[in-house]
Amino acid sequence: MTELTQQDIDNHCARLNISRENLTKFIIPHGITEIGEGAFERCTSLRQIICNHPDLFTESNIQNRNQIQFISTTDYFND
């Protein structure tokens, strides 16, 4: 998988038994090189994204970017 899509986020939320609106943190899987348009649509509670490439996120694939803390994967797993 190289592109993270809406379906990937839906599947993740289903595994956690939560709605997209209740997703607060997401770890970008290794190997992702693109975030699909609207991938995080309706994820209004999202506050943390753990990844090494925050430049993948644009206004077209994530809402409320200015309210989200981007954390380096390396830093996250070292804590």
PDB file of N, CA and C in Angstrom:
ATOM      1  N   MET A   1       0.861  -1.186   0.000  1.00  0.00           N
ATOM      2  CA  MET A   1       0.000   0.000   0.000  1.00  0.00           C
ATOM      3  C   MET A   1       0.894   1.232   0.000  1.00  0.00           C
ATOM      4  N   THR A   2       0.660   2.134  -0.925  1.00  0.00           N
ATOM      5  CA  THR A   2       1.404   3.380  -0.942  1.00  0.00           C
ATOM      6  C   THR A   2       0.499   4.587  -0.729  1.00  0.00           C
ATOM      7  N   GLU A   3      -0.789   4.428  -0.989  1.00  0.00           N
ATOM      8  CA  GLU A   3      -1.735   5.523  -0.803  1.00  0.00           C
ATOM      9  C   GLU A   3      -2.690   5.183   0.338  1.00  0.00           C
ATOM     10  N   LEU A   4      -2.856   6.130   1.245  1.00  0.00           N
ATOM     11  CA  LEU A   4      -3.818   5.988   2.336  1.00  0.00           C
ATOM     12  C   LEU A   4      -5.140   6.572   1.859  1.00  0.00           C
ATOM     13  N   THR A   5      -6.207   5.793   1.916  1.00  0.00           N
ATOM     14  CA  THR A   5      -7.496   6.211   1.371  1.00  0.00           C
ATOM     15  C   THR A   5      -8.558   6.325   2.471  1.00  0.00           C
ATOM     16  N   GLN A   6      -9.710   6.842   2.086  1.00  0.00           N
ATOM     17  CA  GLN A   6     -10.851   6.905   3.007  1.00  0.00           C
ATOM     18  C   GLN A   6     -11.201   5.510   3.510  1.00  0.00           C
ATOM     19  N   GLN A   7     -11.133   4.524   2.630  1.00  0.00           N
ATOM     20  CA  GLN A   7     -11.467   3.155   3.022  1.00  0.00           C
ATOM     21  C   GLN A   7     -10.497   2.634   4.081  1.00  0.00           C
ATOM     22  N   ASP A   8      -9.225   2.998   3.965  1.00  0.00           N
ATOM     23  CA  ASP A   8      -8.243   2.591   4.980  1.00  0.00           C
ATOM     24  C   ASP A   8      -8.594   3.173   6.342  1.00  0.00           C
ATOM     25  N   ILE A   9      -9.021   4.429   6.351  1.00  0.00           N
ATOM     26  CA  ILE A   9      -9.408   5.071   7.613  1.00  0.00           C
ATOM     27  C   ILE A   9     -10.682   4.423   8.149  1.00  0.00           C
ATOM     28  N   ASP A  10     -11.638   4.151   7.258  1.00  0.00           N
ATOM     29  CA  ASP A  10     -12.869   3.465   7.687  1.00  0.00           C
ATOM     30  C   ASP A  10     -12.555   2.100   8.295  1.00  0.00           C
ATOM     31  N   ASN A  11     -11.668   1.353   7.667  1.00  0.00           N
ATOM     32  CA  ASN A  11     -11.293   0.033   8.180  1.00  0.00           C
ATOM     33  C   ASN A  11     -10.623   0.149   9.544  1.00  0.00           C
ATOM     34  N   HIS A  12      -9.760   1.135   9.711  1.00  0.00           N
ATOM     35  CA  HIS A  12      -9.088   1.352  10.994  1.00  0.00           C
ATOM     36  C   HIS A  12     -10.118   1.659  12.082  1.00  0.00           C
ATOM     37  N   CYS A  13     -11.040   2.550  11.784  1.00  0.00           N
ATOM     38  CA  CYS A  13     -12.078   2.906  12.756  1.00  0.00           C
ATOM     39  C   CYS A  13     -12.951   1.698  13.089  1.00  0.00           C
ATOM     40  N   ALA A  14     -13.255   0.890  12.099  1.00  0.00           N
ATOM     41  CA  ALA A  14     -14.064  -0.315  12.337  1.00  0.00           C
ATOM     42  C   ALA A  14     -13.336  -1.271  13.282  1.00  0.00           C
ATOM     43  N   ARG A  15     -12.017  -1.420  13.096  1.00  0.00           N
ATOM     44  CA  ARG A  15     -11.249  -2.295  13.993  1.00  0.00           C
ATOM     45  C   ARG A  15     -11.271  -1.772  15.430  1.00  0.00           C
ATOM     46  N   LEU A  16     -11.300  -0.443  15.576  1.00  0.00           N
ATOM     47  CA  LEU A  16     -11.355   0.167  16.911  1.00  0.00           C
ATOM     48  C   LEU A  16     -12.780   0.286  17.439  1.00  0.00           C
ATOM     49  N   ASN A  17     -13.753  -0.024  16.580  1.00  0.00           N
ATOM     50  CA  ASN A  17     -15.169   0.099  16.925  1.00  0.00           C
ATOM     51  C   ASN A  17     -15.538   1.534  17.309  1.00  0.00           C
ATOM     52  N   ILE A  18     -15.057   2.484  16.503  1.00  0.00           N
ATOM     53  CA  ILE A  18     -15.378   3.896  16.698  1.00  0.00           C
ATOM     54  C   ILE A  18     -15.798   4.496  15.362  1.00  0.00           C
ATOM     55  N   SER A  19     -16.427   5.648  15.422  1.00  0.00           N
ATOM     56  CA  SER A  19     -16.777   6.362  14.195  1.00  0.00           C
ATOM     57  C   SER A  19     -15.594   7.231  13.775  1.00  0.00           C
ATOM     58  N   ARG A  20     -15.608   7.650  12.528  1.00  0.00           N
ATOM     59  CA  ARG A  20     -14.565   8.561  12.032  1.00  0.00           C
ATOM     60  C   ARG A  20     -14.526   9.832  12.881  1.00  0.00           C
ATOM     61  N   GLU A  21     -15.680  10.286  13.327  1.00  0.00           N
ATOM     62  CA  GLU A  21     -15.763  11.512  14.111  1.00  0.00           C
ATOM     63  C   GLU A  21     -15.078  11.375  15.475  1.00  0.00           C
ATOM     64  N   ASN A  22     -14.880  10.159  15.948  1.00  0.00           N
ATOM     65  CA  ASN A  22     -14.258   9.932  17.254  1.00  0.00           C
ATOM     66  C   ASN A  22     -12.784   9.531  17.175  1.00  0.00           C
ATOM     67  N   LEU A  23     -12.233   9.479  15.989  1.00  0.00           N
ATOM     68  CA  LEU A  23     -10.816   9.150  15.823  1.00  0.00           C
ATOM     69  C   LEU A  23      -9.974  10.326  16.312  1.00  0.00           C
ATOM     70  N   THR A  24      -9.107  10.094  17.289  1.00  0.00           N
ATOM     71  CA  THR A  24      -8.294  11.177  17.855  1.00  0.00           C
ATOM     72  C   THR A  24      -6.824  11.091  17.480  1.00  0.00           C
ATOM     73  N   LYS A  25      -6.342   9.884  17.156  1.00  0.00           N
ATOM     74  CA  LYS A  25      -4.920   9.697  16.846  1.00  0.00           C
ATOM     75  C   LYS A  25      -4.794   8.652  15.745  1.00  0.00           C
ATOM     76  N   PHE A  26      -3.832   8.885  14.853  1.00  0.00           N
ATOM     77  CA  PHE A  26      -3.619   7.930  13.769  1.00  0.00           C
ATOM     78  C   PHE A  26      -2.135   7.816  13.478  1.00  0.00           C
ATOM     79  N   ILE A  27      -1.644   6.588  13.336  1.00  0.00           N
ATOM     80  CA  ILE A  27      -0.259   6.334  12.973  1.00  0.00           C
ATOM     81  C   ILE A  27      -0.229   5.964  11.490  1.00  0.00           C
ATOM     82  N   ILE A  28       0.508   6.739  10.717  1.00  0.00           N
ATOM     83  CA  ILE A  28       0.610   6.471   9.288  1.00  0.00           C
ATOM     84  C   ILE A  28       1.479   5.233   9.086  1.00  0.00           C
ATOM     85  N   PRO A  29       0.952   4.208   8.430  1.00  0.00           N
ATOM     86  CA  PRO A  29       1.716   2.980   8.219  1.00  0.00           C
ATOM     87  C   PRO A  29       2.980   3.224   7.388  1.00  0.00           C
ATOM     88  N   HIS A  30       3.990   2.409   7.623  1.00  0.00           N
ATOM     89  CA  HIS A  30       5.229   2.470   6.865  1.00  0.00           C
ATOM     90  C   HIS A  30       4.936   2.246   5.380  1.00  0.00           C
ATOM     91  N   GLY A  31       5.584   2.990   4.536  1.00  0.00           N
ATOM     92  CA  GLY A  31       5.439   2.812   3.099  1.00  0.00           C
ATOM     93  C   GLY A  31       4.430   3.726   2.435  1.00  0.00           C
ATOM     94  N   ILE A  32       3.687   4.489   3.223  1.00  0.00           N
ATOM     95  CA  ILE A  32       2.711   5.419   2.643  1.00  0.00           C
ATOM     96  C   ILE A  32       3.452   6.586   2.000  1.00  0.00           C
ATOM     97  N   THR A  33       3.164   6.843   0.740  1.00  0.00           N
ATOM     98  CA  THR A  33       3.803   7.945   0.032  1.00  0.00           C
ATOM     99  C   THR A  33       2.802   8.987  -0.442  1.00  0.00           C
ATOM    100  N   GLU A  34       1.510   8.689  -0.221  1.00  0.00           N
ATOM    101  CA  GLU A  34       0.465   9.609  -0.664  1.00  0.00           C
ATOM    102  C   GLU A  34      -0.752   9.460   0.237  1.00  0.00           C
ATOM    103  N   ILE A  35      -1.377  10.599   0.530  1.00  0.00           N
ATOM    104  CA  ILE A  35      -2.628  10.612   1.289  1.00  0.00           C
ATOM    105  C   ILE A  35      -3.727  10.956   0.293  1.00  0.00           C
ATOM    106  N   GLY A  36      -4.676  10.056   0.137  1.00  0.00           N
ATOM    107  CA  GLY A  36      -5.760  10.272  -0.822  1.00  0.00           C
ATOM    108  C   GLY A  36      -6.626  11.466  -0.452  1.00  0.00           C
ATOM    109  N   GLU A  37      -7.188  12.077  -1.467  1.00  0.00           N
ATOM    110  CA  GLU A  37      -8.062  13.230  -1.258  1.00  0.00           C
ATOM    111  C   GLU A  37      -9.215  12.851  -0.345  1.00  0.00           C
ATOM    112  N   GLY A  38      -9.414  13.618   0.699  1.00  0.00           N
ATOM    113  CA  GLY A  38     -10.514  13.381   1.627  1.00  0.00           C
ATOM    114  C   GLY A  38     -10.325  12.181   2.534  1.00  0.00           C
ATOM    115  N   ALA A  39      -9.111  11.644   2.608  1.00  0.00           N
ATOM    116  CA  ALA A  39      -8.877  10.442   3.414  1.00  0.00           C
ATOM    117  C   ALA A  39      -9.345  10.625   4.851  1.00  0.00           C
ATOM    118  N   PHE A  40      -9.137  11.800   5.404  1.00  0.00           N
ATOM    119  CA  PHE A  40      -9.501  12.053   6.798  1.00  0.00           C
ATOM    120  C   PHE A  40     -10.780  12.886   6.924  1.00  0.00           C
ATOM    121  N   GLU A  41     -11.587  12.902   5.869  1.00  0.00           N
ATOM    122  CA  GLU A  41     -12.845  13.646   5.889  1.00  0.00           C
ATOM    123  C   GLU A  41     -13.709  13.159   7.054  1.00  0.00           C
ATOM    124  N   ARG A  42     -14.318  14.100   7.758  1.00  0.00           N
ATOM    125  CA  ARG A  42     -15.203  13.821   8.907  1.00  0.00           C
ATOM    126  C   ARG A  42     -14.457  13.352  10.153  1.00  0.00           C
ATOM    127  N   CYS A  43     -13.127  13.385  10.141  1.00  0.00           N
ATOM    128  CA  CYS A  43     -12.352  13.023  11.346  1.00  0.00           C
ATOM    129  C   CYS A  43     -12.160  14.287  12.177  1.00  0.00           C
ATOM    130  N   THR A  44     -13.252  14.801  12.701  1.00  0.00           N
ATOM    131  CA  THR A  44     -13.234  16.109  13.364  1.00  0.00           C
ATOM    132  C   THR A  44     -12.565  16.110  14.731  1.00  0.00           C
ATOM    133  N   SER A  45     -12.370  14.951  15.339  1.00  0.00           N
ATOM    134  CA  SER A  45     -11.707  14.880  16.644  1.00  0.00           C
ATOM    135  C   SER A  45     -10.224  14.562  16.529  1.00  0.00           C
ATOM    136  N   LEU A  46      -9.730  14.405  15.307  1.00  0.00           N
ATOM    137  CA  LEU A  46      -8.339  14.035  15.096  1.00  0.00           C
ATOM    138  C   LEU A  46      -7.420  15.130  15.620  1.00  0.00           C
ATOM    139  N   ARG A  47      -6.498  14.765  16.532  1.00  0.00           N
ATOM    140  CA  ARG A  47      -5.596  15.737  17.136  1.00  0.00           C
ATOM    141  C   ARG A  47      -4.125  15.373  16.990  1.00  0.00           C
ATOM    142  N   GLN A  48      -3.822  14.103  16.706  1.00  0.00           N
ATOM    143  CA  GLN A  48      -2.434  13.680  16.544  1.00  0.00           C
ATOM    144  C   GLN A  48      -2.297  12.743  15.363  1.00  0.00           C
ATOM    145  N   ILE A  49      -1.275  13.003  14.558  1.00  0.00           N
ATOM    146  CA  ILE A  49      -0.901  12.093  13.490  1.00  0.00           C
ATOM    147  C   ILE A  49       0.570  11.781  13.676  1.00  0.00           C
ATOM    148  N   ILE A  50       0.876  10.507  13.757  1.00  0.00           N
ATOM    149  CA  ILE A  50       2.247  10.066  13.936  1.00  0.00           C
ATOM    150  C   ILE A  50       2.748   9.626  12.565  1.00  0.00           C
ATOM    151  N   CYS A  51       3.766  10.328  12.068  1.00  0.00           N
ATOM    152  CA  CYS A  51       4.319  10.034  10.746  1.00  0.00           C
ATOM    153  C   CYS A  51       5.672  10.726  10.596  1.00  0.00           C
ATOM    154  N   ASN A  52       6.397  10.347   9.582  1.00  0.00           N
ATOM    155  CA  ASN A  52       7.661  11.016   9.296  1.00  0.00           C
ATOM    156  C   ASN A  52       7.563  11.968   8.117  1.00  0.00           C
ATOM    157  N   HIS A  53       6.385  12.082   7.521  1.00  0.00           N
ATOM    158  CA  HIS A  53       6.232  12.931   6.342  1.00  0.00           C
ATOM    159  C   HIS A  53       4.984  13.808   6.445  1.00  0.00           C
ATOM    160  N   PRO A  54       4.959  14.792   7.354  1.00  0.00           N
ATOM    161  CA  PRO A  54       3.779  15.645   7.475  1.00  0.00           C
ATOM    162  C   PRO A  54       3.507  16.462   6.219  1.00  0.00           C
ATOM    163  N   ASP A  55       4.513  16.566   5.327  1.00  0.00           N
ATOM    164  CA  ASP A  55       4.306  17.305   4.078  1.00  0.00           C
ATOM    165  C   ASP A  55       3.350  16.581   3.134  1.00  0.00           C
ATOM    166  N   LEU A  56       2.999  15.333   3.434  1.00  0.00           N
ATOM    167  CA  LEU A  56       2.016  14.599   2.630  1.00  0.00           C
ATOM    168  C   LEU A  56       0.606  15.156   2.802  1.00  0.00           C
ATOM    169  N   PHE A  57       0.397  15.905   3.862  1.00  0.00           N
ATOM    170  CA  PHE A  57      -0.937  16.396   4.191  1.00  0.00           C
ATOM    171  C   PHE A  57      -1.170  17.770   3.594  1.00  0.00           C
ATOM    172  N   THR A  58      -2.292  17.894   2.888  1.00  0.00           N
ATOM    173  CA  THR A  58      -2.670  19.167   2.266  1.00  0.00           C
ATOM    174  C   THR A  58      -4.112  19.472   2.640  1.00  0.00           C
ATOM    175  N   GLU A  59      -4.574  20.608   2.243  1.00  0.00           N
ATOM    176  CA  GLU A  59      -5.958  20.999   2.511  1.00  0.00           C
ATOM    177  C   GLU A  59      -6.949  20.054   1.830  1.00  0.00           C
ATOM    178  N   SER A  60      -6.530  19.376   0.763  1.00  0.00           N
ATOM    179  CA  SER A  60      -7.462  18.498   0.049  1.00  0.00           C
ATOM    180  C   SER A  60      -7.613  17.125   0.701  1.00  0.00           C
ATOM    181  N   ASN A  61      -6.688  16.743   1.601  1.00  0.00           N
ATOM    182  CA  ASN A  61      -6.811  15.414   2.188  1.00  0.00           C
ATOM    183  C   ASN A  61      -6.973  15.408   3.702  1.00  0.00           C
ATOM    184  N   ILE A  62      -6.948  16.572   4.325  1.00  0.00           N
ATOM    185  CA  ILE A  62      -7.170  16.602   5.777  1.00  0.00           C
ATOM    186  C   ILE A  62      -7.799  17.939   6.171  1.00  0.00           C
ATOM    187  N   GLN A  63      -8.754  17.867   7.063  1.00  0.00           N
ATOM    188  CA  GLN A  63      -9.391  19.074   7.571  1.00  0.00           C
ATOM    189  C   GLN A  63      -8.715  19.455   8.871  1.00  0.00           C
ATOM    190  N   ASN A  64      -8.799  20.718   9.244  1.00  0.00           N
ATOM    191  CA  ASN A  64      -8.293  21.203  10.534  1.00  0.00           C
ATOM    192  C   ASN A  64      -6.805  20.918  10.723  1.00  0.00           C
ATOM    193  N   ARG A  65      -6.025  21.015   9.665  1.00  0.00           N
ATOM    194  CA  ARG A  65      -4.592  20.721   9.743  1.00  0.00           C
ATOM    195  C   ARG A  65      -3.916  21.539  10.839  1.00  0.00           C
ATOM    196  N   ASN A  66      -4.354  22.768  11.008  1.00  0.00           N
ATOM    197  CA  ASN A  66      -3.733  23.636  12.012  1.00  0.00           C
ATOM    198  C   ASN A  66      -4.055  23.215  13.445  1.00  0.00           C
ATOM    199  N   GLN A  67      -4.983  22.307  13.652  1.00  0.00           N
ATOM    200  CA  GLN A  67      -5.339  21.828  14.988  1.00  0.00           C
ATOM    201  C   GLN A  67      -4.737  20.459  15.302  1.00  0.00           C
ATOM    202  N   ILE A  68      -3.942  19.945  14.368  1.00  0.00           N
ATOM    203  CA  ILE A  68      -3.396  18.595  14.524  1.00  0.00           C
ATOM    204  C   ILE A  68      -1.910  18.664  14.827  1.00  0.00           C
ATOM    205  N   GLN A  69      -1.495  17.882  15.789  1.00  0.00           N
ATOM    206  CA  GLN A  69      -0.086  17.771  16.138  1.00  0.00           C
ATOM    207  C   GLN A  69       0.514  16.633  15.314  1.00  0.00           C
ATOM    208  N   PHE A  70       1.548  16.961  14.547  1.00  0.00           N
ATOM    209  CA  PHE A  70       2.252  15.949  13.774  1.00  0.00           C
ATOM    210  C   PHE A  70       3.475  15.530  14.570  1.00  0.00           C
ATOM    211  N   ILE A  71       3.590  14.242  14.849  1.00  0.00           N
ATOM    212  CA  ILE A  71       4.661  13.709  15.678  1.00  0.00           C
ATOM    213  C   ILE A  71       5.500  12.760  14.834  1.00  0.00           C
ATOM    214  N   SER A  72       6.806  12.903  14.902  1.00  0.00           N
ATOM    215  CA  SER A  72       7.704  12.010  14.187  1.00  0.00           C
ATOM    216  C   SER A  72       7.532  10.588  14.682  1.00  0.00           C
ATOM    217  N   THR A  73       7.461   9.651  13.756  1.00  0.00           N
ATOM    218  CA  THR A  73       7.330   8.241  14.111  1.00  0.00           C
ATOM    219  C   THR A  73       8.477   7.814  15.009  1.00  0.00           C
ATOM    220  N   THR A  74       9.676   8.260  14.693  1.00  0.00           N
ATOM    221  CA  THR A  74      10.856   7.912  15.485  1.00  0.00           C
ATOM    222  C   THR A  74      10.708   8.387  16.922  1.00  0.00           C
ATOM    223  N   ASP A  75      10.310   9.657  17.095  1.00  0.00           N
ATOM    224  CA  ASP A  75      10.124  10.204  18.438  1.00  0.00           C
ATOM    225  C   ASP A  75       9.021   9.467  19.191  1.00  0.00           C
ATOM    226  N   TYR A  76       7.936   9.165  18.506  1.00  0.00           N
ATOM    227  CA  TYR A  76       6.801   8.502  19.140  1.00  0.00           C
ATOM    228  C   TYR A  76       7.178   7.127  19.688  1.00  0.00           C
ATOM    229  N   PHE A  77       7.866   6.343  18.872  1.00  0.00           N
ATOM    230  CA  PHE A  77       8.213   4.991  19.305  1.00  0.00           C
ATOM    231  C   PHE A  77       9.384   4.969  20.272  1.00  0.00           C
ATOM    232  N   ASN A  78      10.176   6.038  20.339  1.00  0.00           N
ATOM    233  CA  ASN A  78      11.255   6.116  21.315  1.00  0.00           C
ATOM    234  C   ASN A  78      10.739   6.501  22.701  1.00  0.00           C
ATOM    235  N   ASP A  79       9.584   7.159  22.751  1.00  0.00           N
ATOM    236  CA  ASP A  79       8.977   7.545  24.043  1.00  0.00           C
ATOM    237  C   ASP A  79       8.325   6.348  24.610  1.00  0.00           C
TER     238      ASP A  79
END
